[in-house]
Amino acid sequence: MNKIRVVEAEQIRSDLPDFSIGDTLKIHYKIIEGRNERVQVFEGLCIAIKRGGIRKTFKVRKISYGVGVERTFPLNSPRIQKIEITRRGRVRRAKLYYIRDRVGKSAKVAELISKKPKKEGGARAERPSAPPKAEQPTQSREAEVGTAVENPPEEKE
């Protein structure tokens, strides 16, 4: 195997969640200012994911004081403390660059609503089932119509 791929495979992070385009993310990013280190949270919409392997990057966009701010993060960076998925988005594009031109409600991404798994042994399972109803003999529609014609209702005066 190639030596470069061996080194890269060791540095790929597996502790981060799987997210996709359209998800709203909170990225806890370590910032070093002189001797001080602090964690800054950047929350926004993931609009692009590029490359693969150790070089994988993702772009997050947020609106800060009425100005759109985009930031590209390397996914496998040791400076990323954690990534939280705030909301899953339902999109049909690989890149959401068209969001840059949108303002207000049109810049929002629809939320992905996933089906909840059915619980086994829930409230319905505890309820006793009703006994089966006895079937009553029913006449066909033709027989009902035929009897109605043969025996007209009596008129009262």
Protein backbone atom coordinates (compact mmCIF):
# COMPACT_ATOMS: atom_id res chain seq x y z
CA MET A 1 0.00 0.00 0.00
CA ASN A 2 1.10 3.53 -0.65
CA LYS A 3 2.87 5.15 2.34
CA ILE A 4 0.93 8.39 1.96
CA ARG A 5 -2.40 6.56 2.18
CA VAL A 6 -1.27 4.77 5.33
CA VAL A 7 -0.43 8.07 7.04
CA GLU A 8 -3.69 9.65 5.86
CA ALA A 9 -5.75 6.70 7.08
CA GLU A 10 -4.38 7.18 10.60
CA GLN A 11 -5.46 10.84 10.67
CA ILE A 12 -9.05 10.44 9.43
CA ARG A 13 -11.50 11.21 12.23
CA SER A 14 -14.31 8.79 12.94
CA ASP A 15 -15.76 10.57 16.01
CA LEU A 16 -17.70 13.18 14.01
CA PRO A 17 -21.37 12.62 13.03
CA ASP A 18 -22.48 11.94 9.48
CA PHE A 19 -24.14 15.03 8.06
CA SER A 20 -25.17 16.05 4.59
CA ILE A 21 -25.90 19.10 2.48
CA GLY A 22 -28.79 21.17 3.82
CA ASP A 23 -28.23 20.31 7.49
CA THR A 24 -27.92 23.09 10.04
CA LEU A 25 -24.72 22.53 12.01
CA LYS A 26 -22.98 23.88 15.10
CA ILE A 27 -19.22 23.61 14.69
CA HIS A 28 -17.18 23.99 17.88
CA TYR A 29 -13.84 25.24 16.53
CA LYS A 30 -10.73 25.86 18.60
CA ILE A 31 -9.20 29.30 18.01
CA ILE A 32 -5.68 30.14 19.18
CA GLU A 33 -5.01 33.83 19.89
CA GLY A 34 -1.47 34.31 21.14
CA ARG A 35 -1.23 32.14 24.27
CA ASN A 36 -4.99 31.85 24.71
CA GLU A 37 -7.10 29.05 23.31
CA ARG A 38 -10.86 29.27 23.15
CA VAL A 39 -13.67 27.41 21.45
CA GLN A 40 -15.86 29.40 19.07
CA VAL A 41 -19.21 28.05 17.88
CA PHE A 42 -20.12 28.66 14.25
CA GLU A 43 -23.74 27.77 13.46
CA GLY A 44 -25.06 27.75 9.93
CA LEU A 45 -26.31 25.82 6.92
CA CYS A 46 -24.00 23.31 5.23
CA ILE A 47 -24.04 24.33 1.56
CA ALA A 48 -21.22 22.22 0.13
CA ILE A 49 -19.05 19.18 0.81
CA LYS A 50 -15.94 18.71 -1.33
CA ARG A 51 -13.24 16.13 -1.93
CA GLY A 52 -12.81 12.94 0.05
CA GLY A 53 -10.55 11.16 2.47
CA ILE A 54 -8.24 13.32 4.57
CA ARG A 55 -8.80 16.37 2.32
CA LYS A 56 -12.58 16.46 2.81
CA THR A 57 -13.94 19.97 3.47
CA PHE A 58 -17.39 21.41 4.04
CA LYS A 59 -18.71 24.93 3.66
CA VAL A 60 -21.12 26.48 6.19
CA ARG A 61 -23.10 29.67 5.62
CA LYS A 62 -24.77 31.87 8.21
CA ILE A 63 -26.25 35.36 8.30
CA SER A 64 -24.49 37.59 10.83
CA TYR A 65 -25.97 41.06 11.39
CA GLY A 66 -27.58 41.01 7.96
CA VAL A 67 -24.41 39.95 6.14
CA GLY A 68 -23.89 36.46 4.77
CA VAL A 69 -20.76 34.76 6.12
CA GLU A 70 -19.36 31.54 4.65
CA ARG A 71 -16.59 29.53 6.17
CA THR A 72 -14.86 26.41 4.90
CA PHE A 73 -13.78 23.83 7.47
CA PRO A 74 -11.48 20.85 6.91
CA LEU A 75 -13.46 17.88 8.24
CA ASN A 76 -10.50 16.01 9.71
CA SER A 77 -8.95 19.04 11.40
CA PRO A 78 -7.84 18.54 15.02
CA ARG A 79 -9.15 22.06 15.73
CA ILE A 80 -12.74 20.93 15.36
CA GLN A 81 -13.84 19.94 18.86
CA LYS A 82 -17.25 18.63 17.87
CA ILE A 83 -20.03 19.02 15.35
CA GLU A 84 -23.68 19.09 16.40
CA ILE A 85 -26.49 18.58 13.92
CA THR A 86 -29.21 21.06 14.90
CA ARG A 87 -31.61 20.25 12.09
CA ARG A 88 -31.71 17.90 9.11
CA GLY A 89 -32.52 19.50 5.78
CA ARG A 90 -34.38 18.05 2.80
CA VAL A 91 -32.67 19.15 -0.42
CA ARG A 92 -32.33 17.84 -3.95
CA ARG A 93 -28.99 19.42 -4.88
CA ALA A 94 -25.35 18.55 -4.22
CA LYS A 95 -24.37 22.20 -3.73
CA LEU A 96 -26.62 24.93 -2.35
CA TYR A 97 -24.85 27.93 -3.84
CA TYR A 98 -28.20 29.35 -4.98
CA ILE A 99 -28.91 30.17 -1.29
CA ARG A 100 -26.43 33.06 -1.62
CA ASP A 101 -28.87 34.99 -3.80
CA ARG A 102 -31.91 34.32 -1.61
CA VAL A 103 -33.16 36.54 1.22
CA GLY A 104 -35.71 35.85 3.96
CA LYS A 105 -37.99 32.83 3.85
CA SER A 106 -36.86 31.80 0.38
CA ALA A 107 -33.37 31.22 1.80
CA LYS A 108 -34.67 28.50 4.13
CA VAL A 109 -34.30 24.80 3.53
CA ALA A 110 -37.21 22.46 4.24
CA GLU A 111 -36.74 20.23 7.26
CA LEU A 112 -36.33 16.52 6.71
CA ILE A 113 -39.01 14.73 8.67
CA SER A 114 -38.08 11.14 9.22
CA LYS A 115 -40.53 8.47 10.25
CA LYS A 116 -40.30 7.32 13.82
CA PRO A 117 -39.70 3.61 14.28
CA LYS A 118 -42.77 1.75 15.51
CA LYS A 119 -42.61 0.65 19.11
CA GLU A 120 -43.29 -2.98 19.80
CA GLY A 121 -45.50 -3.71 22.77
CA GLY A 122 -46.95 -0.20 22.83
CA ALA A 123 -50.41 0.90 23.95
CA ARG A 124 -52.14 -0.96 21.12
CA ALA A 125 -50.56 -4.27 22.06
CA GLU A 126 -51.79 -4.02 25.66
CA ARG A 127 -55.41 -3.47 24.65
CA PRO A 128 -57.38 -6.73 24.32
CA SER A 129 -58.67 -7.34 20.85
CA ALA A 130 -62.42 -7.16 20.28
CA PRO A 131 -64.17 -10.45 19.61
CA PRO A 132 -64.96 -10.97 15.94
CA LYS A 133 -68.44 -9.82 14.98
CA ALA A 134 -70.86 -12.45 13.80
CA GLU A 135 -71.61 -11.96 10.17
CA GLN A 136 -75.20 -11.09 9.42
CA PRO A 137 -76.65 -12.40 6.21
CA THR A 138 -76.93 -9.58 3.75
CA GLN A 139 -79.03 -9.50 0.64
CA SER A 140 -77.67 -8.36 -2.62
CA ARG A 141 -78.59 -4.95 -3.93
CA GLU A 142 -80.78 -6.50 -6.64
CA ALA A 143 -82.84 -8.42 -4.09
CA GLU A 144 -83.37 -5.24 -2.04
CA VAL A 145 -84.48 -3.29 -5.09
CA GLY A 146 -86.71 -6.15 -6.26
CA THR A 147 -88.54 -6.37 -2.93
CA ALA A 148 -89.00 -2.64 -2.86
CA VAL A 149 -90.72 -2.72 -6.26
CA GLU A 150 -92.87 -5.77 -5.43
CA ASN A 151 -94.13 -4.40 -2.13
CA PRO A 152 -94.61 -0.63 -2.42
CA PRO A 153 -95.08 1.19 0.88
CA GLU A 154 -98.67 1.74 1.96
CA GLU A 155 -99.97 5.25 1.71
CA LYS A 156 -101.76 6.79 4.68
CA GLU A 157 -104.61 9.21 4.21
